Protein backbone atom coordinates (compact mmCIF):
# COMPACT_ATOMS: atom_id res chain seq x y z
CA UNK A 1 -25.47 20.55 0.78
CA UNK A 2 -21.58 19.11 1.84
CA UNK A 3 -19.16 19.66 0.21
CA UNK A 4 -17.78 16.73 -2.92
CA UNK A 5 -14.74 15.46 -2.60
CA UNK A 6 -12.22 13.94 -5.81
CA UNK A 7 -9.31 12.02 -5.98
CA UNK A 8 -6.46 13.79 -8.10
CA UNK A 9 -5.17 11.06 -10.20
CA UNK A 10 -2.48 10.55 -13.12
CA UNK A 11 -2.26 7.82 -15.69
CA UNK A 12 0.85 6.18 -16.16
CA UNK A 13 1.65 3.62 -19.26
CA UNK A 14 4.05 0.80 -18.42
CA UNK A 15 5.69 -0.80 -20.97
CA UNK A 16 4.38 -4.35 -21.44
CA UNK A 17 1.09 -4.06 -19.67
CA UNK A 18 -2.00 -3.21 -21.66
CA UNK A 19 -3.59 -0.77 -18.71
CA UNK A 20 -2.10 2.77 -17.82
CA UNK A 21 -1.68 2.34 -13.81
CA UNK A 22 -3.35 5.34 -11.54
CA UNK A 23 -1.09 7.73 -9.37
CA UNK A 24 -3.06 9.27 -6.67
CA UNK A 25 -1.34 12.82 -6.22
CA UNK A 26 -3.95 14.67 -4.22
CA UNK A 27 -7.39 15.28 -3.40
CA UNK A 28 -9.98 18.35 -4.10
CA UNK A 29 -12.93 19.17 -3.43
CA UNK A 30 -15.83 21.03 -4.98
CA UNK A 31 -17.31 23.72 -2.74
CA UNK A 32 -21.74 25.13 -2.76
CA UNK A 33 -20.88 27.23 -5.76
CA UNK A 34 -18.97 24.64 -7.52
CA UNK A 35 -15.63 26.49 -7.15
CA UNK A 36 -12.97 23.41 -7.50
CA UNK A 37 -9.53 23.66 -4.97
CA UNK A 38 -7.06 21.61 -5.26
CA UNK A 39 -4.13 19.87 -3.02
CA UNK A 40 -1.37 17.70 -4.18
CA UNK A 41 0.46 15.37 -2.07
CA UNK A 42 2.84 14.94 -5.04
CA UNK A 43 3.99 16.63 -8.18
CA UNK A 44 2.76 14.44 -11.24
CA UNK A 45 5.24 13.69 -14.03
CA UNK A 46 4.84 15.11 -17.75
CA UNK A 47 3.69 12.27 -20.55
CA UNK A 48 6.37 12.38 -23.69
CA UNK A 49 5.00 15.49 -25.08
CA UNK A 50 6.02 17.37 -21.83
CA UNK A 51 2.08 17.31 -21.22
CA UNK A 52 0.79 16.55 -17.31
CA UNK A 53 -2.68 15.22 -17.44
CA UNK A 54 -4.88 14.76 -14.17
CA UNK A 55 -8.26 13.28 -13.89
CA UNK A 56 -10.60 13.77 -10.87
CA UNK A 57 -12.41 10.49 -9.62
CA UNK A 58 -15.08 11.57 -7.28
CA UNK A 59 -13.95 9.91 -4.01
CA UNK A 60 -16.22 6.58 -2.63
CA UNK A 61 -13.93 6.51 0.60
CA UNK A 62 -12.56 3.31 -0.28
CA UNK A 63 -8.77 3.31 0.85
CA UNK A 64 -6.79 2.94 -2.44
CA UNK A 65 -5.08 0.04 -3.31
CA UNK A 66 -1.57 -0.43 -3.26
CA UNK A 67 -0.12 0.07 -5.85
CA UNK A 68 1.58 -3.17 -5.37
CA UNK A 69 -1.71 -4.87 -5.94
CA UNK A 70 -2.65 -2.24 -9.16
CA UNK A 71 0.54 -3.89 -10.83
CA UNK A 72 -0.35 -7.44 -9.56
CA UNK A 73 3.03 -8.27 -8.40
């Protein structure tokens, strides 16, 4: 059974925007036993309450969008 791969992302609220932007912080892998290993490539910043929330999104194999494309510059 192949390993599942996930993107480790964090939502960042931007003043004046309705939706947050998503920052990719690394990758995660789920092995055959269901254990998840995480490799962070950058350090996530805490929100205004001092908490760090990360989300795992299954990797669809597509290249991530550039941040400028997400922000719509």
